[in-house]
N, C-alpha and C. Protein backbone atom coordinates (compact mmCIF):
# COMPACT_ATOMS: atom_id res chain seq x y z
N MET A 1 283.52 80.89 180.02
CA MET A 1 283.44 79.59 179.37
C MET A 1 282.05 79.01 179.60
N ARG A 2 281.51 78.39 178.54
CA ARG A 2 280.23 77.69 178.68
C ARG A 2 280.49 76.19 178.51
N VAL A 3 280.04 75.41 179.49
CA VAL A 3 280.29 73.98 179.51
C VAL A 3 278.97 73.25 179.62
N ILE A 4 278.80 72.22 178.80
CA ILE A 4 277.61 71.37 178.86
C ILE A 4 278.04 70.01 179.37
N ILE A 5 277.37 69.52 180.41
CA ILE A 5 277.74 68.27 181.05
C ILE A 5 276.63 67.24 180.83
N ALA A 6 276.96 66.17 180.13
CA ALA A 6 276.02 65.06 179.97
C ALA A 6 276.07 64.19 181.22
N GLY A 7 274.90 63.86 181.75
CA GLY A 7 274.87 63.18 183.04
C GLY A 7 274.96 64.19 184.15
N GLY A 8 274.23 65.27 184.00
CA GLY A 8 274.40 66.44 184.87
C GLY A 8 273.96 66.25 186.32
N HIS A 9 273.27 65.16 186.61
CA HIS A 9 272.83 64.93 187.99
C HIS A 9 273.77 64.01 188.77
N GLY A 10 274.79 63.50 188.12
CA GLY A 10 275.74 62.63 188.81
C GLY A 10 276.50 63.37 189.90
N LYS A 11 277.06 62.62 190.83
CA LYS A 11 277.75 63.25 191.97
C LYS A 11 278.93 64.10 191.53
N ILE A 12 279.78 63.56 190.66
CA ILE A 12 280.93 64.33 190.17
C ILE A 12 280.44 65.52 189.37
N ALA A 13 279.43 65.30 188.53
CA ALA A 13 278.91 66.37 187.68
C ALA A 13 278.41 67.55 188.52
N ARG A 14 277.68 67.26 189.58
CA ARG A 14 277.14 68.36 190.39
C ARG A 14 278.23 69.13 191.13
N ILE A 15 279.28 68.45 191.54
CA ILE A 15 280.41 69.16 192.15
C ILE A 15 281.07 70.06 191.12
N LEU A 16 281.28 69.53 189.92
CA LEU A 16 281.89 70.33 188.86
C LEU A 16 281.01 71.50 188.47
N GLU A 17 279.71 71.26 188.39
CA GLU A 17 278.78 72.35 188.04
C GLU A 17 278.87 73.48 189.06
N ARG A 18 278.93 73.11 190.34
CA ARG A 18 279.03 74.14 191.37
C ARG A 18 280.34 74.92 191.24
N MET A 19 281.44 74.20 190.98
CA MET A 19 282.73 74.86 190.81
C MET A 19 282.70 75.86 189.66
N LEU A 20 282.15 75.42 188.54
CA LEU A 20 282.08 76.30 187.37
C LEU A 20 281.21 77.51 187.64
N ALA A 21 280.03 77.28 188.22
CA ALA A 21 279.10 78.37 188.48
C ALA A 21 279.67 79.36 189.48
N GLN A 22 280.35 78.87 190.50
CA GLN A 22 280.87 79.76 191.54
C GLN A 22 281.94 80.70 191.03
N ARG A 23 282.64 80.30 189.98
CA ARG A 23 283.67 81.20 189.45
C ARG A 23 283.16 82.03 188.26
N GLY A 24 281.86 81.89 187.97
CA GLY A 24 281.25 82.75 186.96
C GLY A 24 281.11 82.17 185.58
N ASP A 25 281.44 80.89 185.41
CA ASP A 25 281.24 80.25 184.11
C ASP A 25 279.77 79.89 183.93
N SER A 26 279.39 79.67 182.68
CA SER A 26 278.05 79.23 182.35
C SER A 26 278.07 77.72 182.20
N VAL A 27 277.16 77.02 182.90
CA VAL A 27 277.17 75.56 182.87
C VAL A 27 275.75 75.04 182.79
N ALA A 28 275.57 74.04 181.94
CA ALA A 28 274.28 73.36 181.81
C ALA A 28 274.50 71.87 181.97
N GLY A 29 273.54 71.20 182.56
CA GLY A 29 273.62 69.76 182.75
C GLY A 29 272.49 69.06 182.02
N ILE A 30 272.83 68.08 181.21
CA ILE A 30 271.81 67.27 180.52
C ILE A 30 271.35 66.18 181.47
N ILE A 31 270.05 66.12 181.72
CA ILE A 31 269.47 65.14 182.63
C ILE A 31 268.30 64.44 181.95
N ARG A 32 268.06 63.21 182.35
CA ARG A 32 266.94 62.44 181.79
C ARG A 32 265.67 62.65 182.59
N ASN A 33 265.82 62.81 183.90
CA ASN A 33 264.67 62.87 184.81
C ASN A 33 264.34 64.32 185.17
N PRO A 34 263.15 64.81 184.79
CA PRO A 34 262.79 66.19 185.13
C PRO A 34 262.80 66.46 186.64
N ALA A 35 262.65 65.42 187.45
CA ALA A 35 262.65 65.60 188.91
C ALA A 35 264.00 66.06 189.42
N HIS A 36 265.05 65.95 188.61
CA HIS A 36 266.39 66.36 189.03
C HIS A 36 266.68 67.83 188.73
N THR A 37 265.71 68.52 188.15
CA THR A 37 265.91 69.92 187.77
C THR A 37 266.34 70.79 188.95
N ALA A 38 265.65 70.66 190.07
CA ALA A 38 265.94 71.52 191.22
C ALA A 38 267.35 71.29 191.75
N ALA A 39 267.84 70.05 191.70
CA ALA A 39 269.18 69.76 192.20
C ALA A 39 270.24 70.48 191.38
N LEU A 40 270.02 70.60 190.08
CA LEU A 40 270.97 71.32 189.24
C LEU A 40 270.89 72.82 189.48
N GLU A 41 269.67 73.32 189.59
CA GLU A 41 269.51 74.75 189.85
C GLU A 41 270.16 75.14 191.17
N GLU A 42 270.11 74.24 192.13
CA GLU A 42 270.70 74.52 193.45
C GLU A 42 272.20 74.75 193.38
N VAL A 43 272.88 74.09 192.44
CA VAL A 43 274.34 74.27 192.32
C VAL A 43 274.71 75.29 191.25
N GLY A 44 273.71 75.94 190.66
CA GLY A 44 273.99 77.00 189.70
C GLY A 44 274.05 76.56 188.26
N ALA A 45 273.54 75.36 187.97
CA ALA A 45 273.57 74.85 186.59
C ALA A 45 272.20 74.96 185.95
N GLU A 46 272.21 75.16 184.65
CA GLU A 46 270.97 75.19 183.87
C GLU A 46 270.58 73.75 183.53
N PRO A 47 269.40 73.29 183.93
CA PRO A 47 269.01 71.92 183.59
C PRO A 47 268.48 71.81 182.17
N VAL A 48 268.93 70.79 181.47
CA VAL A 48 268.45 70.50 180.11
C VAL A 48 267.90 69.07 180.15
N VAL A 49 266.60 68.93 180.04
CA VAL A 49 265.97 67.61 180.11
C VAL A 49 266.00 66.98 178.72
N LEU A 50 266.78 65.90 178.62
CA LEU A 50 266.97 65.23 177.33
C LEU A 50 267.46 63.81 177.60
N ASP A 51 266.79 62.84 177.05
CA ASP A 51 267.16 61.45 177.24
C ASP A 51 268.17 61.03 176.18
N LEU A 52 269.40 60.84 176.57
CA LEU A 52 270.46 60.51 175.60
C LEU A 52 270.30 59.12 175.00
N GLU A 53 269.47 58.29 175.59
CA GLU A 53 269.22 56.98 175.00
C GLU A 53 268.16 57.04 173.90
N ARG A 54 267.48 58.19 173.77
CA ARG A 54 266.45 58.33 172.75
C ARG A 54 266.68 59.52 171.83
N ALA A 55 267.56 60.43 172.21
CA ALA A 55 267.77 61.65 171.45
C ALA A 55 268.53 61.40 170.16
N SER A 56 268.34 62.29 169.20
CA SER A 56 269.09 62.26 167.95
C SER A 56 270.31 63.17 168.07
N VAL A 57 271.20 63.05 167.10
CA VAL A 57 272.36 63.94 167.07
C VAL A 57 271.90 65.39 167.01
N ASP A 58 270.91 65.67 166.20
CA ASP A 58 270.41 67.05 166.07
C ASP A 58 269.82 67.55 167.38
N ASP A 59 269.12 66.66 168.11
CA ASP A 59 268.55 67.06 169.40
C ASP A 59 269.65 67.53 170.35
N VAL A 60 270.72 66.76 170.40
CA VAL A 60 271.81 67.10 171.33
C VAL A 60 272.59 68.30 170.81
N ALA A 61 272.88 68.32 169.53
CA ALA A 61 273.65 69.43 168.96
C ALA A 61 272.96 70.77 169.21
N ALA A 62 271.64 70.77 169.19
CA ALA A 62 270.91 72.01 169.44
C ALA A 62 271.17 72.57 170.83
N GLN A 63 271.46 71.69 171.78
CA GLN A 63 271.74 72.13 173.15
C GLN A 63 273.18 72.58 173.33
N LEU A 64 274.02 72.32 172.35
CA LEU A 64 275.44 72.67 172.46
C LEU A 64 275.78 74.00 171.81
N ASP A 65 274.79 74.67 171.26
CA ASP A 65 275.04 75.95 170.61
C ASP A 65 275.67 76.94 171.59
N GLY A 66 276.81 77.50 171.21
CA GLY A 66 277.50 78.46 172.06
C GLY A 66 278.39 77.87 173.11
N ALA A 67 278.47 76.55 173.17
CA ALA A 67 279.31 75.91 174.18
C ALA A 67 280.79 75.96 173.79
N ASP A 68 281.64 76.03 174.80
CA ASP A 68 283.09 75.96 174.59
C ASP A 68 283.62 74.55 174.82
N ALA A 69 282.88 73.76 175.59
CA ALA A 69 283.34 72.41 175.92
C ALA A 69 282.16 71.57 176.36
N VAL A 70 282.32 70.25 176.18
CA VAL A 70 281.35 69.30 176.72
C VAL A 70 282.09 68.32 177.63
N VAL A 71 281.39 67.83 178.62
CA VAL A 71 281.92 66.82 179.54
C VAL A 71 280.96 65.65 179.55
N PHE A 72 281.47 64.44 179.31
CA PHE A 72 280.62 63.27 179.41
C PHE A 72 280.78 62.67 180.80
N ALA A 73 279.72 62.80 181.60
CA ALA A 73 279.72 62.29 182.97
C ALA A 73 278.55 61.34 183.20
N ALA A 74 277.92 60.90 182.13
CA ALA A 74 276.76 60.02 182.26
C ALA A 74 277.21 58.58 182.50
N GLY A 75 276.31 57.80 183.06
CA GLY A 75 276.59 56.38 183.28
C GLY A 75 275.31 55.64 183.58
N ALA A 76 275.26 54.38 183.20
CA ALA A 76 274.06 53.60 183.47
C ALA A 76 273.85 53.38 184.96
N GLY A 77 274.93 53.39 185.72
CA GLY A 77 274.82 53.31 187.17
C GLY A 77 274.70 51.90 187.69
N PRO A 78 274.89 51.74 189.00
CA PRO A 78 274.81 50.42 189.62
C PRO A 78 273.41 49.85 189.49
N GLY A 79 273.34 48.55 189.31
CA GLY A 79 272.05 47.90 189.19
C GLY A 79 271.56 47.77 187.76
N SER A 80 272.20 48.46 186.84
CA SER A 80 271.81 48.36 185.43
C SER A 80 272.48 47.15 184.81
N GLY A 81 271.86 46.61 183.78
CA GLY A 81 272.40 45.43 183.13
C GLY A 81 273.37 45.76 182.02
N ALA A 82 273.87 44.71 181.39
CA ALA A 82 274.87 44.88 180.33
C ALA A 82 274.34 45.70 179.17
N ALA A 83 273.05 45.57 178.84
CA ALA A 83 272.50 46.30 177.70
C ALA A 83 272.61 47.80 177.90
N ARG A 84 272.34 48.26 179.12
CA ARG A 84 272.41 49.72 179.36
C ARG A 84 273.85 50.20 179.49
N LYS A 85 274.77 49.33 179.82
CA LYS A 85 276.17 49.75 179.78
C LYS A 85 276.51 50.16 178.35
N ASP A 86 275.95 49.44 177.38
CA ASP A 86 276.21 49.79 175.99
C ASP A 86 275.45 51.04 175.57
N THR A 87 274.17 51.15 175.91
CA THR A 87 273.39 52.28 175.42
C THR A 87 273.74 53.60 176.10
N VAL A 88 274.25 53.54 177.33
CA VAL A 88 274.62 54.77 178.04
C VAL A 88 276.13 54.99 178.00
N ASP A 89 276.89 54.05 178.57
CA ASP A 89 278.33 54.27 178.74
C ASP A 89 279.07 54.32 177.40
N ARG A 90 278.57 53.64 176.40
CA ARG A 90 279.19 53.72 175.07
C ARG A 90 278.40 54.63 174.13
N ALA A 91 277.15 54.23 173.84
CA ALA A 91 276.40 54.90 172.78
C ALA A 91 276.11 56.37 173.10
N ALA A 92 275.80 56.69 174.35
CA ALA A 92 275.53 58.09 174.69
C ALA A 92 276.80 58.94 174.59
N ALA A 93 277.95 58.36 174.93
CA ALA A 93 279.21 59.09 174.77
C ALA A 93 279.51 59.35 173.31
N VAL A 94 279.23 58.36 172.47
CA VAL A 94 279.43 58.53 171.03
C VAL A 94 278.45 59.56 170.47
N LEU A 95 277.20 59.51 170.95
CA LEU A 95 276.21 60.50 170.52
C LEU A 95 276.65 61.91 170.87
N LEU A 96 277.18 62.09 172.08
CA LEU A 96 277.65 63.42 172.47
C LEU A 96 278.81 63.86 171.58
N ALA A 97 279.68 62.94 171.21
CA ALA A 97 280.78 63.27 170.32
C ALA A 97 280.26 63.66 168.93
N ASP A 98 279.30 62.91 168.42
CA ASP A 98 278.69 63.26 167.13
C ASP A 98 278.08 64.65 167.18
N ALA A 99 277.36 64.92 168.27
CA ALA A 99 276.69 66.22 168.42
C ALA A 99 277.70 67.35 168.57
N ALA A 100 278.78 67.09 169.32
CA ALA A 100 279.81 68.12 169.48
C ALA A 100 280.42 68.47 168.13
N GLU A 101 280.71 67.46 167.32
CA GLU A 101 281.26 67.74 166.00
C GLU A 101 280.25 68.51 165.15
N ALA A 102 278.98 68.13 165.22
CA ALA A 102 277.94 68.82 164.44
C ALA A 102 277.81 70.27 164.87
N ALA A 103 277.96 70.52 166.18
CA ALA A 103 277.84 71.88 166.71
C ALA A 103 279.16 72.64 166.70
N ARG A 104 280.21 71.98 166.22
CA ARG A 104 281.56 72.56 166.14
C ARG A 104 282.09 72.97 167.52
N VAL A 105 281.86 72.08 168.45
CA VAL A 105 282.45 72.23 169.79
C VAL A 105 283.59 71.22 169.87
N ARG A 106 284.80 71.68 169.82
CA ARG A 106 285.95 70.77 169.73
C ARG A 106 286.33 70.12 171.06
N ARG A 107 286.14 70.85 172.15
CA ARG A 107 286.67 70.36 173.43
C ARG A 107 285.73 69.34 174.04
N TYR A 108 286.25 68.16 174.29
CA TYR A 108 285.47 67.04 174.82
C TYR A 108 286.26 66.41 175.96
N VAL A 109 285.66 66.37 177.14
CA VAL A 109 286.30 65.75 178.30
C VAL A 109 285.45 64.56 178.74
N MET A 110 286.09 63.42 178.86
CA MET A 110 285.39 62.18 179.18
C MET A 110 285.77 61.67 180.57
N ILE A 111 284.77 61.37 181.39
CA ILE A 111 285.03 60.60 182.60
C ILE A 111 284.93 59.13 182.21
N SER A 112 286.05 58.46 182.21
CA SER A 112 286.09 57.06 181.83
C SER A 112 286.25 56.21 183.09
N ALA A 113 286.93 55.10 182.97
CA ALA A 113 287.10 54.21 184.12
C ALA A 113 288.44 53.52 184.03
N MET A 114 289.08 53.34 185.16
CA MET A 114 290.32 52.60 185.19
C MET A 114 290.05 51.17 184.71
N GLY A 115 290.85 50.70 183.77
CA GLY A 115 290.65 49.37 183.22
C GLY A 115 289.74 49.32 182.01
N ALA A 116 289.23 50.48 181.57
CA ALA A 116 288.37 50.52 180.39
C ALA A 116 289.11 49.94 179.19
N ASP A 117 288.47 49.02 178.49
CA ASP A 117 289.14 48.32 177.39
C ASP A 117 288.06 47.65 176.54
N ALA A 118 287.97 48.04 175.29
CA ALA A 118 286.97 47.46 174.40
C ALA A 118 287.12 45.96 174.26
N GLU A 119 288.32 45.44 174.57
CA GLU A 119 288.57 43.99 174.47
C GLU A 119 288.80 43.37 175.85
N ALA A 120 288.20 43.96 176.87
CA ALA A 120 288.38 43.42 178.23
C ALA A 120 288.01 41.94 178.26
N PRO A 121 288.88 41.09 178.81
CA PRO A 121 288.59 39.66 178.81
C PRO A 121 287.51 39.28 179.82
N ASP A 122 286.88 38.15 179.58
CA ASP A 122 285.79 37.70 180.44
C ASP A 122 286.23 37.51 181.89
N GLU A 123 287.47 37.13 182.09
CA GLU A 123 287.92 36.80 183.44
C GLU A 123 288.16 38.02 184.33
N VAL A 124 288.00 39.22 183.77
CA VAL A 124 288.19 40.44 184.57
C VAL A 124 287.18 40.53 185.70
N GLY A 125 285.98 40.03 185.49
CA GLY A 125 284.95 40.14 186.52
C GLY A 125 283.65 39.53 186.05
N ASP A 126 282.57 39.89 186.74
CA ASP A 126 281.26 39.37 186.35
C ASP A 126 280.86 39.96 185.00
N PRO A 127 279.91 39.33 184.30
CA PRO A 127 279.58 39.76 182.93
C PRO A 127 279.15 41.22 182.80
N VAL A 128 278.43 41.74 183.79
CA VAL A 128 277.99 43.14 183.70
C VAL A 128 279.18 44.08 183.84
N PHE A 129 280.10 43.77 184.75
CA PHE A 129 281.29 44.61 184.90
C PHE A 129 282.16 44.55 183.65
N VAL A 130 282.29 43.39 183.06
CA VAL A 130 283.05 43.26 181.81
C VAL A 130 282.38 44.08 180.71
N ALA A 131 281.06 44.03 180.65
CA ALA A 131 280.33 44.82 179.65
C ALA A 131 280.58 46.31 179.86
N TYR A 132 280.65 46.73 181.13
CA TYR A 132 280.93 48.13 181.46
C TYR A 132 282.32 48.54 180.98
N LEU A 133 283.33 47.73 181.28
CA LEU A 133 284.69 48.06 180.86
C LEU A 133 284.80 48.11 179.33
N ARG A 134 284.12 47.19 178.68
CA ARG A 134 284.15 47.17 177.22
C ARG A 134 283.43 48.39 176.63
N ALA A 135 282.30 48.76 177.23
CA ALA A 135 281.56 49.93 176.76
C ALA A 135 282.38 51.20 176.93
N LYS A 136 282.99 51.37 178.12
CA LYS A 136 283.81 52.55 178.35
C LYS A 136 285.03 52.57 177.42
N GLY A 137 285.65 51.41 177.24
CA GLY A 137 286.81 51.35 176.35
C GLY A 137 286.45 51.67 174.92
N ALA A 138 285.32 51.16 174.45
CA ALA A 138 284.89 51.45 173.08
C ALA A 138 284.58 52.93 172.90
N ALA A 139 283.95 53.54 173.91
CA ALA A 139 283.67 54.97 173.84
C ALA A 139 284.96 55.78 173.80
N ASP A 140 285.92 55.41 174.65
CA ASP A 140 287.21 56.10 174.65
C ASP A 140 287.87 56.00 173.28
N ASP A 141 287.87 54.80 172.70
CA ASP A 141 288.50 54.60 171.39
C ASP A 141 287.83 55.47 170.33
N ASP A 142 286.51 55.53 170.36
CA ASP A 142 285.77 56.32 169.37
C ASP A 142 286.12 57.80 169.48
N VAL A 143 286.09 58.30 170.70
CA VAL A 143 286.35 59.73 170.90
C VAL A 143 287.78 60.09 170.54
N ARG A 144 288.73 59.24 170.94
CA ARG A 144 290.15 59.51 170.65
C ARG A 144 290.43 59.56 169.16
N ALA A 145 289.68 58.80 168.38
CA ALA A 145 289.95 58.68 166.95
C ALA A 145 289.43 59.86 166.13
N ARG A 146 288.71 60.76 166.73
CA ARG A 146 288.06 61.84 165.97
C ARG A 146 288.98 63.05 165.80
N ALA A 147 289.27 63.36 164.57
CA ALA A 147 290.09 64.53 164.29
C ALA A 147 289.36 65.83 164.60
N GLY A 148 288.03 65.76 164.67
CA GLY A 148 287.25 66.97 164.93
C GLY A 148 287.10 67.31 166.39
N LEU A 149 287.70 66.52 167.28
CA LEU A 149 287.59 66.79 168.71
C LEU A 149 288.96 66.93 169.36
N ASP A 150 289.03 67.80 170.34
CA ASP A 150 290.21 67.89 171.22
C ASP A 150 289.81 67.24 172.53
N ALA A 151 290.09 65.96 172.63
CA ALA A 151 289.54 65.17 173.73
C ALA A 151 290.57 64.84 174.79
N THR A 152 290.12 64.85 176.04
CA THR A 152 290.90 64.37 177.17
C THR A 152 290.07 63.31 177.88
N ILE A 153 290.69 62.17 178.15
CA ILE A 153 289.99 61.07 178.80
C ILE A 153 290.59 60.86 180.19
N VAL A 154 289.75 61.00 181.21
CA VAL A 154 290.17 60.92 182.61
C VAL A 154 289.64 59.61 183.19
N ARG A 155 290.56 58.80 183.74
CA ARG A 155 290.19 57.50 184.29
C ARG A 155 290.48 57.47 185.78
N PRO A 156 289.48 57.76 186.60
CA PRO A 156 289.71 57.78 188.05
C PRO A 156 289.75 56.38 188.65
N GLY A 157 290.36 56.31 189.83
CA GLY A 157 290.37 55.07 190.60
C GLY A 157 289.06 54.88 191.34
N LEU A 158 289.10 54.17 192.45
CA LEU A 158 287.90 53.87 193.22
C LEU A 158 287.32 55.15 193.80
N LEU A 159 286.10 55.48 193.41
CA LEU A 159 285.48 56.74 193.82
C LEU A 159 284.94 56.65 195.24
N THR A 160 285.19 57.71 196.01
CA THR A 160 284.67 57.80 197.37
C THR A 160 283.97 59.14 197.55
N ASP A 161 283.18 59.24 198.62
CA ASP A 161 282.52 60.50 198.95
C ASP A 161 283.25 61.25 200.05
N ASP A 162 284.52 60.90 200.29
CA ASP A 162 285.32 61.63 201.26
C ASP A 162 285.53 63.07 200.81
N ALA A 163 285.88 63.93 201.75
CA ALA A 163 286.20 65.31 201.40
C ALA A 163 287.41 65.34 200.48
N GLY A 164 287.39 66.25 199.53
CA GLY A 164 288.53 66.40 198.63
C GLY A 164 289.76 66.87 199.37
N THR A 165 290.92 66.43 198.91
CA THR A 165 292.19 66.84 199.52
C THR A 165 292.90 67.90 198.70
N GLY A 166 292.54 68.00 197.41
CA GLY A 166 293.23 68.94 196.53
C GLY A 166 294.54 68.43 196.00
N THR A 167 294.91 67.19 196.34
CA THR A 167 296.16 66.62 195.86
C THR A 167 295.89 65.24 195.25
N VAL A 168 296.61 64.93 194.18
CA VAL A 168 296.35 63.71 193.42
C VAL A 168 297.64 63.14 192.85
N THR A 169 297.52 61.94 192.29
CA THR A 169 298.56 61.36 191.46
C THR A 169 297.94 61.14 190.08
N ILE A 170 298.59 61.67 189.05
CA ILE A 170 298.14 61.52 187.67
C ILE A 170 299.27 60.91 186.87
N ALA A 171 298.94 59.89 186.09
CA ALA A 171 299.93 59.24 185.22
C ALA A 171 299.18 58.43 184.18
N ASP A 172 299.90 57.99 183.15
CA ASP A 172 299.29 57.09 182.18
C ASP A 172 298.73 55.88 182.90
N GLU A 173 299.50 55.34 183.85
CA GLU A 173 299.06 54.25 184.71
C GLU A 173 299.49 54.54 186.14
N THR A 174 298.53 54.69 187.02
CA THR A 174 298.84 55.02 188.42
C THR A 174 298.87 53.80 189.32
N GLY A 175 298.26 52.70 188.88
CA GLY A 175 297.96 51.61 189.79
C GLY A 175 296.66 51.91 190.50
N ARG A 176 296.11 50.89 191.13
CA ARG A 176 294.81 51.03 191.78
C ARG A 176 294.91 51.92 193.01
N GLY A 177 293.81 52.61 193.30
CA GLY A 177 293.76 53.44 194.49
C GLY A 177 292.47 54.23 194.52
N PRO A 178 292.11 54.75 195.69
CA PRO A 178 290.86 55.53 195.81
C PRO A 178 291.09 56.99 195.44
N ILE A 179 289.98 57.70 195.23
CA ILE A 179 290.02 59.14 195.03
C ILE A 179 288.65 59.71 195.33
N PRO A 180 288.58 60.79 196.12
CA PRO A 180 287.28 61.42 196.37
C PRO A 180 286.70 62.01 195.08
N ARG A 181 285.40 61.94 194.96
CA ARG A 181 284.74 62.53 193.79
C ARG A 181 285.05 64.02 193.66
N ALA A 182 285.19 64.69 194.80
CA ALA A 182 285.49 66.12 194.76
C ALA A 182 286.84 66.39 194.09
N ASP A 183 287.80 65.51 194.30
CA ASP A 183 289.10 65.69 193.64
C ASP A 183 289.02 65.36 192.16
N VAL A 184 288.19 64.40 191.78
CA VAL A 184 287.99 64.14 190.35
C VAL A 184 287.39 65.38 189.68
N ALA A 185 286.40 65.99 190.32
CA ALA A 185 285.80 67.20 189.77
C ALA A 185 286.83 68.31 189.62
N ALA A 186 287.72 68.45 190.61
CA ALA A 186 288.77 69.47 190.54
C ALA A 186 289.73 69.19 189.37
N VAL A 187 290.00 67.91 189.13
CA VAL A 187 290.85 67.54 187.99
C VAL A 187 290.16 67.90 186.69
N LEU A 188 288.86 67.62 186.59
CA LEU A 188 288.12 67.95 185.37
C LEU A 188 288.14 69.46 185.13
N LEU A 189 287.98 70.23 186.18
CA LEU A 189 288.02 71.69 186.04
C LEU A 189 289.38 72.13 185.53
N ALA A 190 290.43 71.57 186.09
CA ALA A 190 291.78 71.93 185.65
C ALA A 190 292.03 71.50 184.21
N VAL A 191 291.49 70.36 183.83
CA VAL A 191 291.61 69.89 182.44
C VAL A 191 290.91 70.87 181.49
N LEU A 192 289.72 71.31 181.86
CA LEU A 192 289.00 72.28 181.02
C LEU A 192 289.81 73.57 180.86
N ASP A 193 290.57 73.93 181.89
CA ASP A 193 291.37 75.15 181.86
C ASP A 193 292.74 74.95 181.19
N THR A 194 293.05 73.72 180.80
CA THR A 194 294.37 73.40 180.26
C THR A 194 294.22 72.74 178.90
N PRO A 195 294.10 73.53 177.83
CA PRO A 195 293.86 72.96 176.50
C PRO A 195 294.92 71.95 176.07
N ALA A 196 296.13 72.08 176.60
CA ALA A 196 297.22 71.18 176.18
C ALA A 196 297.03 69.75 176.68
N THR A 197 295.99 69.51 177.49
CA THR A 197 295.70 68.13 177.87
C THR A 197 294.94 67.39 176.76
N ALA A 198 294.54 68.08 175.72
CA ALA A 198 293.87 67.42 174.61
C ALA A 198 294.77 66.33 174.03
N GLY A 199 294.15 65.21 173.72
CA GLY A 199 294.90 64.09 173.20
C GLY A 199 295.46 63.17 174.25
N ARG A 200 295.26 63.48 175.51
CA ARG A 200 295.82 62.66 176.59
C ARG A 200 294.74 61.79 177.23
N THR A 201 295.12 60.59 177.59
CA THR A 201 294.32 59.68 178.41
C THR A 201 295.15 59.38 179.64
N PHE A 202 294.59 59.59 180.83
CA PHE A 202 295.39 59.35 182.04
C PHE A 202 294.52 58.85 183.18
N GLU A 203 295.18 58.19 184.12
CA GLU A 203 294.53 57.72 185.34
C GLU A 203 294.81 58.71 186.47
N VAL A 204 293.90 58.73 187.45
CA VAL A 204 294.08 59.63 188.57
C VAL A 204 293.57 58.96 189.85
N ILE A 205 294.39 59.04 190.88
CA ILE A 205 294.04 58.57 192.21
C ILE A 205 294.52 59.62 193.21
N SER A 206 294.21 59.43 194.47
CA SER A 206 294.71 60.35 195.49
C SER A 206 296.24 60.31 195.52
N GLY A 207 296.83 61.44 195.88
CA GLY A 207 298.28 61.52 195.92
C GLY A 207 298.74 62.76 196.64
N GLU A 208 299.95 63.20 196.32
CA GLU A 208 300.57 64.30 197.05
C GLU A 208 300.75 65.57 196.22
N THR A 209 300.39 65.53 194.93
CA THR A 209 300.64 66.67 194.05
C THR A 209 299.38 67.53 193.93
N PRO A 210 299.49 68.84 194.12
CA PRO A 210 298.32 69.69 193.92
C PRO A 210 297.71 69.47 192.54
N VAL A 211 296.38 69.50 192.49
CA VAL A 211 295.67 69.17 191.26
C VAL A 211 296.18 69.93 190.07
N ARG A 212 296.30 71.23 190.18
CA ARG A 212 296.71 72.05 189.02
C ARG A 212 298.11 71.68 188.55
N ASP A 213 299.00 71.42 189.49
CA ASP A 213 300.36 71.04 189.11
C ASP A 213 300.37 69.68 188.42
N ALA A 214 299.56 68.75 188.92
CA ALA A 214 299.52 67.41 188.33
C ALA A 214 298.96 67.45 186.92
N VAL A 215 297.93 68.24 186.71
CA VAL A 215 297.33 68.36 185.37
C VAL A 215 298.30 69.05 184.41
N GLN A 216 298.97 70.09 184.89
CA GLN A 216 299.93 70.77 184.02
C GLN A 216 301.09 69.85 183.64
N ARG A 217 301.50 69.03 184.58
CA ARG A 217 302.60 68.10 184.30
C ARG A 217 302.23 67.11 183.20
N ILE A 218 300.99 66.59 183.25
CA ILE A 218 300.56 65.66 182.21
C ILE A 218 300.38 66.40 180.89
N ALA A 219 299.96 67.67 180.93
CA ALA A 219 299.85 68.45 179.70
C ALA A 219 301.21 68.69 179.07
N ASP A 220 302.23 68.80 179.92
CA ASP A 220 303.59 69.04 179.42
C ASP A 220 304.28 67.76 178.97
N GLY A 221 303.56 66.65 179.05
CA GLY A 221 304.14 65.39 178.60
C GLY A 221 304.75 64.57 179.70
N GLY A 222 304.59 65.01 180.96
CA GLY A 222 305.15 64.27 182.08
C GLY A 222 304.34 63.04 182.38
N ARG A 223 304.90 62.17 183.18
CA ARG A 223 304.23 60.92 183.55
C ARG A 223 304.02 60.89 185.06
């Protein structure tokens, strides 16, 4: 399998890249900063330097040639303002979807956010956080609506850098809770291996169910 990851230098992305590379898959990470090239090479990923805030659909589609799946793991990150929540968390995800359709790559996996909602009310939090939830929600809505994509949207709880446990809780709504980034990466890997998760949007937090079993359960229509 060949997988292209947008936001390839992110913490979850690099864990996923290492997992894919270690089992013999081909993986490339799209990065904006050339200084991050070595970090991707270290985990076995091919670095692709491309700024998703400036690239065209054709620019991105050219990098997807031969891919079996794309993963959107990019984000404006802490400290960025509301404007970049829109240009990265929404617009870059939409750009990747446009490019995937142009390159005829149907499989699209999105790292979203718990509470993502294009109509998130102002009282949810500070203006930048509200802009983030709205951007993620709008991106999710756009991707879900595309007949040309087989999309799965993963909404993790509070991310931590704790060691992965290999066990999670997955449901349409899990309630709030933490989850190690390593376990989110394991869920993404299982989702890529489980085509029947296409069309599903689910939340994931730490729990007691082995990752593969939890993903298969949601693919089978379980809650």
